[in-house]
Amino acid sequence: MITTEQREKLRGWFAGRLPDDLFEELVEVTVDREEITVIGRIPAPRLAEDVSPAEREAAVEGRAQEFRERTRQDRMAVAREAEHRFRRKVSWGVECAGERTLFTHVAAPVMTRLRQPERQVLDTLIAGGVARSRSDALAWCVRLVQRHTDDWLTELRESLEHVQRVRAQGPDTRPEDAHGVDTAGQEG
């Protein structure tokens, strides 16, 4: 788990390292064990106010695709540096006219053992057409829990950060643990 301070340092590194004209605003930098996702706001396409929703949607999709192609080299250079420094893959996305588009991102496999009642839940989601497979059904369940428990998860993450701070003060602490990030850029 990464602490708030480590997350702020990571966001600060990207804010300082990204070319000034890449995004209008750095919206979000999220991180887990495998991946750093960087989301920036880009200008909306200029459209007449009376355009249809379909035209507006197509224009926003086109703007995101244009940005992706035009900035590929700059983003790849930053990603290589960040991947070496933080030892995680870097994924990119944009917000444009209120829509979020992810370009590439890690889909990490997760192994789990489920008993019959849990498998039946997944199989019901498949039978109901909510998911194509147990894997899709499990991902759907995680997204549902995430959507409805943000406050609880935030409180849990804050508690874990407190535990990490207390552990870092212990007698068996390595020097890099006290700073939160070791010399290789890994979270401590």
C-alpha atoms as a PDB file:
ATOM      1  CA  MET A   1       0.000   0.000   0.000  1.00  0.00           C
ATOM      2  CA  ILE A   2       1.222   3.485  -0.821  1.00  0.00           C
ATOM      3  CA  THR A   3       0.842   6.301   1.701  1.00  0.00           C
ATOM      4  CA  THR A   4      -0.685   9.708   1.061  1.00  0.00           C
ATOM      5  CA  GLU A   5       2.768  11.312   1.216  1.00  0.00           C
ATOM      6  CA  GLN A   6       4.171   8.837  -1.317  1.00  0.00           C
ATOM      7  CA  ARG A   7       1.165   9.441  -3.577  1.00  0.00           C
ATOM      8  CA  GLU A   8       1.713  13.216  -3.308  1.00  0.00           C
ATOM      9  CA  LYS A   9       5.411  12.820  -4.164  1.00  0.00           C
ATOM     10  CA  LEU A  10       4.506  10.662  -7.156  1.00  0.00           C
ATOM     11  CA  ARG A  11       1.950  13.217  -8.385  1.00  0.00           C
ATOM     12  CA  GLY A  12       4.516  15.975  -7.826  1.00  0.00           C
ATOM     13  CA  TRP A  13       7.115  14.088  -9.862  1.00  0.00           C
ATOM     14  CA  PHE A  14       4.700  13.779 -12.790  1.00  0.00           C
ATOM     15  CA  ALA A  15       3.592  17.418 -12.458  1.00  0.00           C
ATOM     16  CA  GLY A  16       7.235  18.488 -12.644  1.00  0.00           C
ATOM     17  CA  ARG A  17       8.282  16.035 -15.349  1.00  0.00           C
ATOM     18  CA  LEU A  18       5.406  16.317 -17.830  1.00  0.00           C
ATOM     19  CA  PRO A  19       5.868  18.880 -20.621  1.00  0.00           C
ATOM     20  CA  ASP A  20       3.989  22.073 -19.709  1.00  0.00           C
ATOM     21  CA  ASP A  21       1.839  21.953 -22.829  1.00  0.00           C
ATOM     22  CA  LEU A  22       0.867  18.272 -22.590  1.00  0.00           C
ATOM     23  CA  PHE A  23      -2.328  18.734 -20.553  1.00  0.00           C
ATOM     24  CA  GLU A  24      -4.467  21.707 -19.573  1.00  0.00           C
ATOM     25  CA  GLU A  25      -4.402  20.194 -16.088  1.00  0.00           C
ATOM     26  CA  LEU A  26      -3.069  17.050 -14.450  1.00  0.00           C
ATOM     27  CA  VAL A  27      -6.349  15.600 -13.172  1.00  0.00           C
ATOM     28  CA  GLU A  28      -5.336  12.397 -11.439  1.00  0.00           C
ATOM     29  CA  VAL A  29      -2.356  10.152 -10.741  1.00  0.00           C
ATOM     30  CA  THR A  30      -3.323   6.804  -9.238  1.00  0.00           C
ATOM     31  CA  VAL A  31      -1.021   3.985  -8.241  1.00  0.00           C
ATOM     32  CA  ASP A  32      -1.148   0.391  -7.092  1.00  0.00           C
ATOM     33  CA  ARG A  33       1.431  -2.417  -6.973  1.00  0.00           C
ATOM     34  CA  GLU A  34       1.546  -2.867 -10.750  1.00  0.00           C
ATOM     35  CA  GLU A  35       0.579   0.408 -12.377  1.00  0.00           C
ATOM     36  CA  ILE A  36       0.606   4.192 -12.312  1.00  0.00           C
ATOM     37  CA  THR A  37      -2.264   5.788 -14.235  1.00  0.00           C
ATOM     38  CA  VAL A  38      -1.893   9.408 -15.329  1.00  0.00           C
ATOM     39  CA  ILE A  39      -5.027  11.293 -16.402  1.00  0.00           C
ATOM     40  CA  GLY A  40      -4.896  14.818 -17.811  1.00  0.00           C
ATOM     41  CA  ARG A  41      -7.490  17.237 -19.093  1.00  0.00           C
ATOM     42  CA  ILE A  42      -7.327  18.228 -22.758  1.00  0.00           C
ATOM     43  CA  PRO A  43      -9.285  20.971 -24.531  1.00  0.00           C
ATOM     44  CA  ALA A  44     -12.734  20.082 -25.781  1.00  0.00           C
ATOM     45  CA  PRO A  45     -13.339  20.354 -29.507  1.00  0.00           C
ATOM     46  CA  ARG A  46     -14.964  23.585 -30.627  1.00  0.00           C
ATOM     47  CA  LEU A  47     -18.509  22.790 -31.658  1.00  0.00           C
ATOM     48  CA  ALA A  48     -21.676  24.719 -32.234  1.00  0.00           C
ATOM     49  CA  GLU A  49     -24.010  24.582 -29.267  1.00  0.00           C
ATOM     50  CA  ASP A  50     -26.784  22.936 -31.258  1.00  0.00           C
ATOM     51  CA  VAL A  51     -24.823  19.860 -32.431  1.00  0.00           C
ATOM     52  CA  SER A  52     -26.367  16.467 -31.825  1.00  0.00           C
ATOM     53  CA  PRO A  53     -25.197  14.259 -28.958  1.00  0.00           C
ATOM     54  CA  ALA A  54     -23.829  11.772 -31.526  1.00  0.00           C
ATOM     55  CA  GLU A  55     -21.735  14.474 -33.197  1.00  0.00           C
ATOM     56  CA  ARG A  56     -20.471  15.743 -29.831  1.00  0.00           C
ATOM     57  CA  GLU A  57     -19.532  12.199 -28.752  1.00  0.00           C
ATOM     58  CA  ALA A  58     -17.690  11.540 -32.032  1.00  0.00           C
ATOM     59  CA  ALA A  59     -15.838  14.862 -31.771  1.00  0.00           C
ATOM     60  CA  VAL A  60     -14.668  14.097 -28.219  1.00  0.00           C
ATOM     61  CA  GLU A  61     -13.543  10.599 -29.245  1.00  0.00           C
ATOM     62  CA  GLY A  62     -11.692  12.105 -32.201  1.00  0.00           C
ATOM     63  CA  ARG A  63      -9.992  14.697 -29.981  1.00  0.00           C
ATOM     64  CA  ALA A  64      -8.809  12.007 -27.545  1.00  0.00           C
ATOM     65  CA  GLN A  65      -7.455   9.891 -30.432  1.00  0.00           C
ATOM     66  CA  GLU A  66      -5.693  12.905 -31.972  1.00  0.00           C
ATOM     67  CA  PHE A  67      -4.074  13.700 -28.616  1.00  0.00           C
ATOM     68  CA  ARG A  68      -2.999  10.091 -28.175  1.00  0.00           C
ATOM     69  CA  GLU A  69      -1.231   9.966 -31.544  1.00  0.00           C
ATOM     70  CA  ARG A  70       0.284  13.464 -31.378  1.00  0.00           C
ATOM     71  CA  THR A  71       1.756  13.063 -27.876  1.00  0.00           C
ATOM     72  CA  ARG A  72       2.837   9.416 -28.071  1.00  0.00           C
ATOM     73  CA  GLN A  73       6.601  10.117 -28.157  1.00  0.00           C
ATOM     74  CA  ASP A  74       6.512  12.594 -25.240  1.00  0.00           C
ATOM     75  CA  ARG A  75       4.365  10.283 -23.132  1.00  0.00           C
ATOM     76  CA  MET A  76       6.554   7.267 -23.896  1.00  0.00           C
ATOM     77  CA  ALA A  77       9.692   9.162 -22.812  1.00  0.00           C
ATOM     78  CA  VAL A  78       8.098  10.116 -19.478  1.00  0.00           C
ATOM     79  CA  ALA A  79       6.732   6.577 -19.019  1.00  0.00           C
ATOM     80  CA  ARG A  80      10.170   4.982 -19.572  1.00  0.00           C
ATOM     81  CA  GLU A  81      11.685   7.272 -16.954  1.00  0.00           C
ATOM     82  CA  ALA A  82       8.854   6.678 -14.471  1.00  0.00           C
ATOM     83  CA  GLU A  83       8.838   2.901 -15.018  1.00  0.00           C
ATOM     84  CA  HIS A  84      12.559   2.776 -14.270  1.00  0.00           C
ATOM     85  CA  ARG A  85      12.240   5.049 -11.241  1.00  0.00           C
ATOM     86  CA  PHE A  86       9.063   3.612  -9.693  1.00  0.00           C
ATOM     87  CA  ARG A  87       9.179   0.042 -11.067  1.00  0.00           C
ATOM     88  CA  ARG A  88       5.574   0.094 -12.244  1.00  0.00           C
ATOM     89  CA  LYS A  89       3.980   0.323 -15.671  1.00  0.00           C
ATOM     90  CA  VAL A  90       2.612   3.736 -16.625  1.00  0.00           C
ATOM     91  CA  SER A  91      -0.805   4.038 -18.260  1.00  0.00           C
ATOM     92  CA  TRP A  92      -2.322   7.161 -19.763  1.00  0.00           C
ATOM     93  CA  GLY A  93      -5.746   8.649 -20.187  1.00  0.00           C
ATOM     94  CA  VAL A  94      -7.501  11.941 -20.794  1.00  0.00           C
ATOM     95  CA  GLU A  95     -10.574  13.839 -19.714  1.00  0.00           C
ATOM     96  CA  CYS A  96     -12.194  15.807 -22.494  1.00  0.00           C
ATOM     97  CA  ALA A  97     -15.569  17.539 -22.257  1.00  0.00           C
ATOM     98  CA  GLY A  98     -16.423  15.530 -19.149  1.00  0.00           C
ATOM     99  CA  GLU A  99     -15.584  12.152 -20.750  1.00  0.00           C
ATOM    100  CA  ARG A 100     -12.702   9.967 -19.594  1.00  0.00           C
ATOM    101  CA  THR A 101     -10.738   7.848 -22.071  1.00  0.00           C
ATOM    102  CA  LEU A 102      -8.000   5.389 -21.031  1.00  0.00           C
ATOM    103  CA  PHE A 103      -5.455   4.596 -23.727  1.00  0.00           C
ATOM    104  CA  THR A 104      -3.735   1.546 -22.325  1.00  0.00           C
ATOM    105  CA  HIS A 105      -3.853   0.031 -18.897  1.00  0.00           C
ATOM    106  CA  VAL A 106      -2.818  -3.075 -17.036  1.00  0.00           C
ATOM    107  CA  ALA A 107      -5.357  -5.834 -16.513  1.00  0.00           C
ATOM    108  CA  ALA A 108      -3.686  -7.802 -13.735  1.00  0.00           C
ATOM    109  CA  PRO A 109      -4.801 -11.384 -13.170  1.00  0.00           C
ATOM    110  CA  VAL A 110      -5.992 -12.216  -9.674  1.00  0.00           C
ATOM    111  CA  MET A 111      -6.233 -15.769  -8.423  1.00  0.00           C
ATOM    112  CA  THR A 112      -8.846 -16.697  -5.867  1.00  0.00           C
ATOM    113  CA  ARG A 113     -10.563 -19.776  -4.520  1.00  0.00           C
ATOM    114  CA  LEU A 114     -14.311 -19.563  -4.224  1.00  0.00           C
ATOM    115  CA  ARG A 115     -16.711 -21.867  -2.488  1.00  0.00           C
ATOM    116  CA  GLN A 116     -19.948 -22.939  -4.141  1.00  0.00           C
ATOM    117  CA  PRO A 117     -22.140 -20.060  -2.844  1.00  0.00           C
ATOM    118  CA  GLU A 118     -19.689 -17.486  -4.267  1.00  0.00           C
ATOM    119  CA  ARG A 119     -19.433 -19.384  -7.575  1.00  0.00           C
ATOM    120  CA  GLN A 120     -23.230 -19.440  -7.782  1.00  0.00           C
ATOM    121  CA  VAL A 121     -23.290 -15.637  -7.534  1.00  0.00           C
ATOM    122  CA  LEU A 122     -20.858 -15.390 -10.443  1.00  0.00           C
ATOM    123  CA  ASP A 123     -22.748 -17.998 -12.461  1.00  0.00           C
ATOM    124  CA  THR A 124     -26.020 -16.100 -11.922  1.00  0.00           C
ATOM    125  CA  LEU A 125     -24.406 -12.940 -13.289  1.00  0.00           C
ATOM    126  CA  ILE A 126     -23.284 -14.913 -16.347  1.00  0.00           C
ATOM    127  CA  ALA A 127     -26.726 -16.477 -16.848  1.00  0.00           C
ATOM    128  CA  GLY A 128     -28.314 -13.029 -16.542  1.00  0.00           C
ATOM    129  CA  GLY A 129     -26.075 -11.617 -19.259  1.00  0.00           C
ATOM    130  CA  VAL A 130     -24.258  -9.240 -16.895  1.00  0.00           C
ATOM    131  CA  ALA A 131     -20.908 -10.943 -17.546  1.00  0.00           C
ATOM    132  CA  ARG A 132     -19.427 -13.310 -20.131  1.00  0.00           C
ATOM    133  CA  SER A 133     -17.304 -15.328 -17.718  1.00  0.00           C
ATOM    134  CA  ARG A 134     -16.603 -15.817 -14.033  1.00  0.00           C
ATOM    135  CA  SER A 135     -13.638 -13.485 -14.423  1.00  0.00           C
ATOM    136  CA  ASP A 136     -15.854 -10.745 -15.877  1.00  0.00           C
ATOM    137  CA  ALA A 137     -18.463 -11.382 -13.183  1.00  0.00           C
ATOM    138  CA  LEU A 138     -15.873 -11.058 -10.423  1.00  0.00           C
ATOM    139  CA  ALA A 139     -14.560  -7.799 -11.932  1.00  0.00           C
ATOM    140  CA  TRP A 140     -18.173  -6.535 -12.099  1.00  0.00           C
ATOM    141  CA  CYS A 141     -18.628  -7.357  -8.394  1.00  0.00           C
ATOM    142  CA  VAL A 142     -15.437  -5.503  -7.467  1.00  0.00           C
ATOM    143  CA  ARG A 143     -16.572  -2.402  -9.408  1.00  0.00           C
ATOM    144  CA  LEU A 144     -19.970  -2.554  -7.679  1.00  0.00           C
ATOM    145  CA  VAL A 145     -18.392  -2.786  -4.231  1.00  0.00           C
ATOM    146  CA  GLN A 146     -15.984   0.027  -5.109  1.00  0.00           C
ATOM    147  CA  ARG A 147     -18.815   2.296  -6.221  1.00  0.00           C
ATOM    148  CA  HIS A 148     -20.852   1.737  -3.056  1.00  0.00           C
ATOM    149  CA  THR A 149     -18.135   1.693  -0.421  1.00  0.00           C
ATOM    150  CA  ASP A 150     -15.846   4.618  -1.313  1.00  0.00           C
ATOM    151  CA  ASP A 151     -16.152   6.172   2.165  1.00  0.00           C
ATOM    152  CA  TRP A 152     -15.416   2.875   3.889  1.00  0.00           C
ATOM    153  CA  LEU A 153     -12.440   2.129   1.614  1.00  0.00           C
ATOM    154  CA  THR A 154     -11.060   5.646   2.154  1.00  0.00           C
ATOM    155  CA  GLU A 155     -11.236   5.170   5.928  1.00  0.00           C
ATOM    156  CA  LEU A 156      -9.575   1.753   5.630  1.00  0.00           C
ATOM    157  CA  ARG A 157      -6.736   3.181   3.482  1.00  0.00           C
ATOM    158  CA  GLU A 158      -6.175   5.985   6.004  1.00  0.00           C
ATOM    159  CA  SER A 159      -6.000   3.414   8.811  1.00  0.00           C
ATOM    160  CA  LEU A 160      -3.438   1.384   6.854  1.00  0.00           C
ATOM    161  CA  GLU A 161      -1.332   4.506   6.357  1.00  0.00           C
ATOM    162  CA  HIS A 162      -1.374   5.041  10.124  1.00  0.00           C
ATOM    163  CA  VAL A 163      -0.244   1.428  10.663  1.00  0.00           C
ATOM    164  CA  GLN A 164       2.640   1.971   8.192  1.00  0.00           C
ATOM    165  CA  ARG A 165       3.751   5.134  10.019  1.00  0.00           C
ATOM    166  CA  VAL A 166       3.742   3.305  13.367  1.00  0.00           C
ATOM    167  CA  ARG A 167       5.670   0.354  11.899  1.00  0.00           C
ATOM    168  CA  ALA A 168       8.251   2.740  10.433  1.00  0.00           C
ATOM    169  CA  GLN A 169       8.993   3.992  13.966  1.00  0.00           C
ATOM    170  CA  GLY A 170       9.759   0.466  15.198  1.00  0.00           C
ATOM    171  CA  PRO A 171      13.211  -0.785  16.235  1.00  0.00           C
ATOM    172  CA  ASP A 172      13.650  -3.100  13.219  1.00  0.00           C
ATOM    173  CA  THR A 173      13.054  -0.354  10.658  1.00  0.00           C
ATOM    174  CA  ARG A 174      15.458  -0.185   7.718  1.00  0.00           C
ATOM    175  CA  PRO A 175      16.684   3.366   6.932  1.00  0.00           C
ATOM    176  CA  GLU A 176      14.752   3.539   3.647  1.00  0.00           C
ATOM    177  CA  ASP A 177      11.492   2.596   5.441  1.00  0.00           C
ATOM    178  CA  ALA A 178      11.614   5.772   7.490  1.00  0.00           C
ATOM    179  CA  HIS A 179      11.567   7.889   4.317  1.00  0.00           C
ATOM    180  CA  GLY A 180       8.759   5.966   2.626  1.00  0.00           C
ATOM    181  CA  VAL A 181      10.495   5.391  -0.705  1.00  0.00           C
ATOM    182  CA  ASP A 182      13.716   3.420  -1.107  1.00  0.00           C
ATOM    183  CA  THR A 183      16.536   4.448  -3.411  1.00  0.00           C
ATOM    184  CA  ALA A 184      15.106   2.417  -6.284  1.00  0.00           C
ATOM    185  CA  GLY A 185      11.871   4.399  -6.085  1.00  0.00           C
ATOM    186  CA  GLN A 186       9.851   1.586  -4.534  1.00  0.00           C
ATOM    187  CA  GLU A 187       7.362   2.335  -1.848  1.00  0.00           C
ATOM    188  CA  GLY A 188       8.602   1.367   1.590  1.00  0.00           C
END
